[in-house]
Protein backbone atom coordinates (compact mmCIF):
# COMPACT_ATOMS: atom_id res chain seq x y z
CA UNK A 1 31.78 23.99 -54.50
CA UNK A 2 28.74 26.13 -55.35
CA UNK A 3 29.02 29.78 -56.22
CA UNK A 4 28.55 32.30 -53.44
CA UNK A 5 25.10 33.89 -53.25
CA UNK A 6 24.73 37.44 -54.53
CA UNK A 7 25.81 40.00 -51.96
CA UNK A 8 23.34 42.69 -51.09
CA UNK A 9 24.02 46.30 -50.18
CA UNK A 10 24.19 46.32 -46.35
CA UNK A 11 22.26 49.61 -46.25
CA UNK A 12 19.36 48.02 -48.15
CA UNK A 13 19.09 44.91 -45.98
CA UNK A 14 15.91 44.15 -44.11
CA UNK A 15 16.05 44.13 -40.34
CA UNK A 16 14.71 41.62 -37.84
CA UNK A 17 13.99 41.90 -34.09
CA UNK A 18 15.81 39.67 -31.62
CA UNK A 19 14.20 37.93 -28.63
CA UNK A 20 14.40 41.11 -26.55
CA UNK A 21 12.61 43.15 -29.22
CA UNK A 22 15.76 44.99 -30.37
CA UNK A 23 15.89 45.48 -34.13
CA UNK A 24 18.87 43.68 -35.61
CA UNK A 25 20.47 44.42 -38.98
CA UNK A 26 21.65 42.05 -41.71
CA UNK A 27 18.55 39.88 -41.90
CA UNK A 28 19.17 39.13 -45.59
CA UNK A 29 22.88 38.34 -45.36
CA UNK A 30 23.75 35.03 -47.03
CA UNK A 31 26.95 32.96 -46.69
CA UNK A 32 29.78 34.18 -48.90
CA UNK A 33 32.71 31.93 -48.02
CA UNK A 34 32.48 28.18 -48.52
CA UNK A 35 34.43 25.07 -47.67
CA UNK A 36 33.79 21.37 -48.02
CA UNK A 37 33.39 19.08 -45.02
CA UNK A 38 33.95 15.34 -45.08
CA UNK A 39 31.72 13.31 -42.77
CA UNK A 40 33.55 10.05 -42.10
CA UNK A 41 31.59 6.79 -42.40
CA UNK A 42 30.47 5.56 -38.98
CA UNK A 43 28.72 2.42 -37.69
CA UNK A 44 24.94 2.35 -37.88
CA UNK A 45 23.39 4.13 -34.91
CA UNK A 46 20.24 2.69 -33.32
CA UNK A 47 18.54 6.11 -33.18
CA UNK A 48 19.91 7.97 -36.22
CA UNK A 49 20.32 4.98 -38.56
CA UNK A 50 22.98 4.55 -41.25
CA UNK A 51 25.91 6.98 -41.29
CA UNK A 52 27.71 6.61 -44.63
CA UNK A 53 30.51 8.75 -46.05
CA UNK A 54 29.14 12.19 -46.99
CA UNK A 55 30.41 15.54 -48.20
CA UNK A 56 28.59 18.73 -47.22
CA UNK A 57 29.19 22.46 -47.68
CA UNK A 58 29.87 24.89 -44.85
CA UNK A 59 29.08 28.52 -45.62
CA UNK A 60 29.79 31.61 -43.56
CA UNK A 61 29.52 35.39 -43.67
CA UNK A 62 30.65 38.18 -41.33
CA UNK A 63 29.30 41.63 -40.68
CA UNK A 64 30.58 44.32 -38.32
CA UNK A 65 29.34 47.67 -37.14
CA UNK A 66 30.03 49.95 -34.23
CA UNK A 67 27.22 48.40 -32.20
CA UNK A 68 27.23 44.74 -33.28
CA UNK A 69 29.04 41.96 -35.10
CA UNK A 70 27.61 38.86 -36.72
CA UNK A 71 28.92 35.49 -37.85
CA UNK A 72 26.32 33.63 -39.94
CA UNK A 73 26.86 29.96 -40.73
CA UNK A 74 24.94 27.26 -42.49
CA UNK A 75 25.35 23.69 -43.73
CA UNK A 76 24.15 22.78 -47.22
CA UNK A 77 23.52 19.18 -48.23
CA UNK A 78 24.01 18.24 -51.91
CA UNK A 79 20.75 17.06 -53.43
CA UNK A 80 18.80 17.55 -50.20
CA UNK A 81 16.70 20.47 -48.96
CA UNK A 82 16.21 21.22 -45.28
CA UNK A 83 13.83 23.49 -43.40
CA UNK A 84 14.73 27.14 -42.92
CA UNK A 85 15.46 26.72 -39.23
CA UNK A 86 17.76 23.72 -39.77
CA UNK A 87 21.55 23.75 -40.29
CA UNK A 88 21.79 27.42 -39.36
CA UNK A 89 23.67 29.25 -36.61
CA UNK A 90 24.14 32.98 -35.97
CA UNK A 91 26.68 34.26 -33.46
CA UNK A 92 25.80 37.81 -32.42
CA UNK A 93 28.09 40.18 -30.51
CA UNK A 94 26.75 43.22 -28.66
CA UNK A 95 29.68 45.58 -28.16
CA UNK A 96 27.81 47.90 -25.80
CA UNK A 97 27.14 45.14 -23.27
CA UNK A 98 30.20 43.05 -24.28
CA UNK A 99 27.96 40.00 -24.65
CA UNK A 100 27.86 37.15 -27.16
CA UNK A 101 24.71 35.14 -27.83
CA UNK A 102 23.56 32.46 -30.23
CA UNK A 103 20.60 32.27 -32.56
CA UNK A 104 18.35 30.31 -32.90
CA UNK A 105 17.86 30.52 -29.17
CA UNK A 106 15.67 27.42 -29.27
CA UNK A 107 18.74 25.31 -30.06
CA UNK A 108 20.53 23.95 -33.08
CA UNK A 109 18.59 21.74 -35.46
CA UNK A 110 21.06 19.76 -37.54
CA UNK A 111 20.57 17.36 -40.44
CA UNK A 112 22.10 14.80 -40.65
CA UNK A 113 22.12 14.21 -36.91
CA UNK A 114 24.90 12.60 -34.89
CA UNK A 115 27.64 13.42 -37.42
CA UNK A 116 29.50 16.18 -35.51
CA UNK A 117 28.08 19.13 -37.47
CA UNK A 118 26.50 20.90 -34.49
CA UNK A 119 29.72 20.81 -32.49
CA UNK A 120 31.65 22.02 -35.54
CA UNK A 121 29.39 25.06 -36.02
CA UNK A 122 29.63 25.98 -32.34
CA UNK A 123 33.41 25.56 -32.37
CA UNK A 124 33.70 27.83 -35.41
CA UNK A 125 31.64 30.47 -33.63
CA UNK A 126 33.84 30.22 -30.53
CA UNK A 127 37.05 30.53 -32.56
CA UNK A 128 35.68 33.59 -34.36
CA UNK A 129 34.74 35.32 -31.08
CA UNK A 130 37.94 34.34 -29.26
CA UNK A 131 40.15 35.92 -31.93
CA UNK A 132 38.50 39.32 -31.38
CA UNK A 133 36.72 39.52 -28.05
CA UNK A 134 38.05 36.88 -25.60
CA UNK A 135 37.09 39.11 -22.66
CA UNK A 136 33.39 39.19 -23.64
CA UNK A 137 30.87 36.84 -22.05
CA UNK A 138 28.53 34.42 -23.79
CA UNK A 139 24.94 34.44 -22.63
CA UNK A 140 23.52 31.32 -21.04
CA UNK A 141 20.26 29.92 -22.32
CA UNK A 142 17.57 27.36 -21.60
CA UNK A 143 17.80 24.08 -23.48
CA UNK A 144 14.87 22.65 -25.47
CA UNK A 145 12.85 20.34 -23.24
CA UNK A 146 12.02 18.07 -26.20
CA UNK A 147 15.65 16.89 -26.28
CA UNK A 148 15.14 15.44 -22.81
CA UNK A 149 12.43 13.10 -24.09
CA UNK A 150 15.10 10.98 -25.79
CA UNK A 151 17.95 9.94 -23.50
CA UNK A 152 20.48 9.40 -26.31
CA UNK A 153 19.73 12.82 -27.83
CA UNK A 154 20.02 14.55 -24.46
CA UNK A 155 23.31 12.86 -23.61
CA UNK A 156 24.81 13.77 -27.00
CA UNK A 157 23.71 17.38 -26.59
CA UNK A 158 25.09 17.65 -23.06
CA UNK A 159 28.36 16.03 -24.15
CA UNK A 160 28.79 18.60 -26.91
CA UNK A 161 28.09 21.56 -24.60
CA UNK A 162 30.36 20.23 -21.85
CA UNK A 163 33.18 19.56 -24.33
CA UNK A 164 32.98 23.23 -25.40
CA UNK A 165 33.37 24.39 -21.79
CA UNK A 166 29.70 25.16 -21.08
CA UNK A 167 28.19 23.80 -17.87
CA UNK A 168 24.78 22.12 -18.23
CA UNK A 169 22.46 22.16 -15.23
CA UNK A 170 18.95 20.79 -14.64
CA UNK A 171 16.16 22.12 -12.47
CA UNK A 172 14.26 18.83 -12.37
CA UNK A 173 14.99 15.15 -11.88
CA UNK A 174 13.52 14.24 -15.28
CA UNK A 175 16.25 16.25 -17.08
CA UNK A 176 13.68 18.27 -19.04
CA UNK A 177 14.40 21.78 -17.68
CA UNK A 178 18.03 22.16 -18.63
CA UNK A 179 20.17 25.23 -19.22
CA UNK A 180 23.78 26.32 -19.50
CA UNK A 181 25.17 29.34 -17.68
CA UNK A 182 27.14 32.37 -18.76
CA UNK A 183 30.82 31.90 -19.57
CA UNK A 184 33.74 34.03 -20.66
CA UNK A 185 34.49 33.61 -24.36
CA UNK A 186 38.23 33.18 -23.80
CA UNK A 187 37.64 30.24 -21.44
CA UNK A 188 35.60 28.19 -23.91
CA UNK A 189 37.08 25.23 -25.77
CA UNK A 190 36.85 25.46 -29.56
CA UNK A 191 37.23 21.90 -30.80
CA UNK A 192 35.44 19.10 -32.62
CA UNK A 193 36.03 15.42 -33.35
CA UNK A 194 38.39 15.54 -36.34
CA UNK A 195 38.03 11.79 -36.87
CA UNK A 196 34.34 12.23 -37.61
CA UNK A 197 34.47 15.53 -39.48
CA UNK A 198 37.34 16.90 -41.55
CA UNK A 199 37.64 20.22 -43.35
CA UNK A 200 38.65 19.57 -46.97
CA UNK A 201 40.66 22.44 -48.48
CA UNK A 202 40.52 23.25 -52.19
CA UNK A 203 43.89 21.63 -52.95
CA UNK A 204 42.91 18.54 -50.98
CA UNK A 205 39.60 18.36 -52.84
CA UNK A 206 41.43 18.73 -56.16
CA UNK A 207 43.83 15.99 -55.14
CA UNK A 208 40.92 13.73 -54.19
CA UNK A 209 39.25 14.33 -57.56
CA UNK A 210 42.50 13.71 -59.39
CA UNK A 211 43.09 10.49 -57.47
CA UNK A 212 39.51 9.39 -58.09
CA UNK A 213 39.90 10.08 -61.83
CA UNK A 214 43.20 8.16 -61.88
CA UNK A 215 41.60 5.24 -60.06
CA UNK A 216 38.65 5.32 -62.47
CA UNK A 217 41.01 5.15 -65.47
CA UNK A 218 42.86 2.22 -63.88
CA UNK A 219 39.56 0.43 -63.31
CA UNK A 220 38.54 1.06 -66.93
CA UNK A 221 41.84 -0.44 -68.16
CA UNK A 222 41.37 -3.47 -65.91
CA UNK A 223 37.78 -3.81 -67.10
CA UNK A 224 38.86 -3.75 -70.73
CA UNK A 225 41.51 -6.40 -70.01
CA UNK A 226 38.90 -8.57 -68.31
CA UNK A 227 36.51 -8.12 -71.25
CA UNK A 228 39.28 -9.13 -73.69
CA UNK A 229 39.99 -12.24 -71.63
CA UNK A 230 36.29 -13.09 -71.53
CA UNK A 231 36.02 -12.63 -75.30
CA UNK A 232 39.11 -14.83 -75.79
CA UNK A 233 37.62 -17.50 -73.56
CA UNK A 234 34.39 -17.28 -75.53
CA UNK A 235 36.28 -17.72 -78.82
CA UNK A 236 38.20 -20.67 -77.39
CA UNK A 237 34.97 -22.10 -76.01
CA UNK A 238 33.34 -21.76 -79.45
CA UNK A 239 36.31 -23.54 -81.05
CA UNK A 240 36.18 -26.32 -78.50
CA UNK A 241 32.43 -26.72 -78.97
CA UNK A 242 32.93 -27.02 -82.76
CA UNK A 243 35.72 -29.57 -82.28
CA UNK A 244 33.60 -31.59 -79.85
CA UNK A 245 30.67 -31.48 -82.26
CA UNK A 246 32.88 -32.74 -85.08
CA UNK A 247 34.27 -35.54 -82.89
CA UNK A 248 30.77 -36.57 -81.83
CA UNK A 249 29.60 -36.58 -85.47
CA UNK A 250 32.65 -38.61 -86.50
CA UNK A 251 32.09 -41.07 -83.64
CA UNK A 252 28.44 -41.48 -84.62
CA UNK A 253 29.46 -42.00 -88.24
CA UNK A 254 32.02 -44.64 -87.20
CA UNK A 255 29.49 -46.38 -84.98
CA UNK A 256 26.96 -46.40 -87.81
CA UNK A 257 29.56 -47.69 -90.25
CA UNK A 258 30.57 -50.51 -87.89
CA UNK A 259 26.94 -51.47 -87.36
CA UNK A 260 26.36 -51.54 -91.15
CA UNK A 261 29.46 -53.69 -91.73
CA UNK A 262 28.47 -56.06 -88.93
CA UNK A 263 24.93 -56.54 -90.30
CA UNK A 264 25.96 -57.02 -93.96
CA UNK A 265 28.55 -59.76 -93.65
């Protein structure tokens, strides 16, 4: 796994305003704890395309003060860069109002899509809040109307939210003006599809690398054995070719000798 980013002094961190104009701390906080996620290979999807086996990194960081708490999460893809607003989720807690809300408020933007990462990030945020403030309430929010333009995308999104215990409602028949209502944190369901996404612990990752190295050594031994057999067959083939050549030359010599004898009697 990659090294954790450098931690900054919390008192020196820049601040950013939330949607209500309230200045929030910890704008420069970066993930500090990391774990590897295994995305299981899945059949090709008609909208998202191929879904091969992949390993990605889940990072998280926590901050707490008297007024607020923050869980910051992101997903990093090896060898692939994503936009700033993608693969990122903040869970904010306002202790004065006993409310929990999510950022970005415009909705999660996950890459790769349809692999269970969005549901995993939301479930992690729910687990974190439930351990400390199950009596708090999570703020409802409007859902991006662009998701309603694609039926498969909208259905996947609604399935994820419903599976977490959030109720999705629509104000129009075209399913473009959707939203989910407020809910108590303790009543939410923190779960994800473990057949599609598995958390790989350090010992498990080490075991996987060790097994892969062992398998690689076995394949190298088998490859060397196959190469030795091929070289042996080549040597035998060369010997047979030489023998056949000698037999052909001898047969030609005998045929020539018989012809000479027959014509000189």
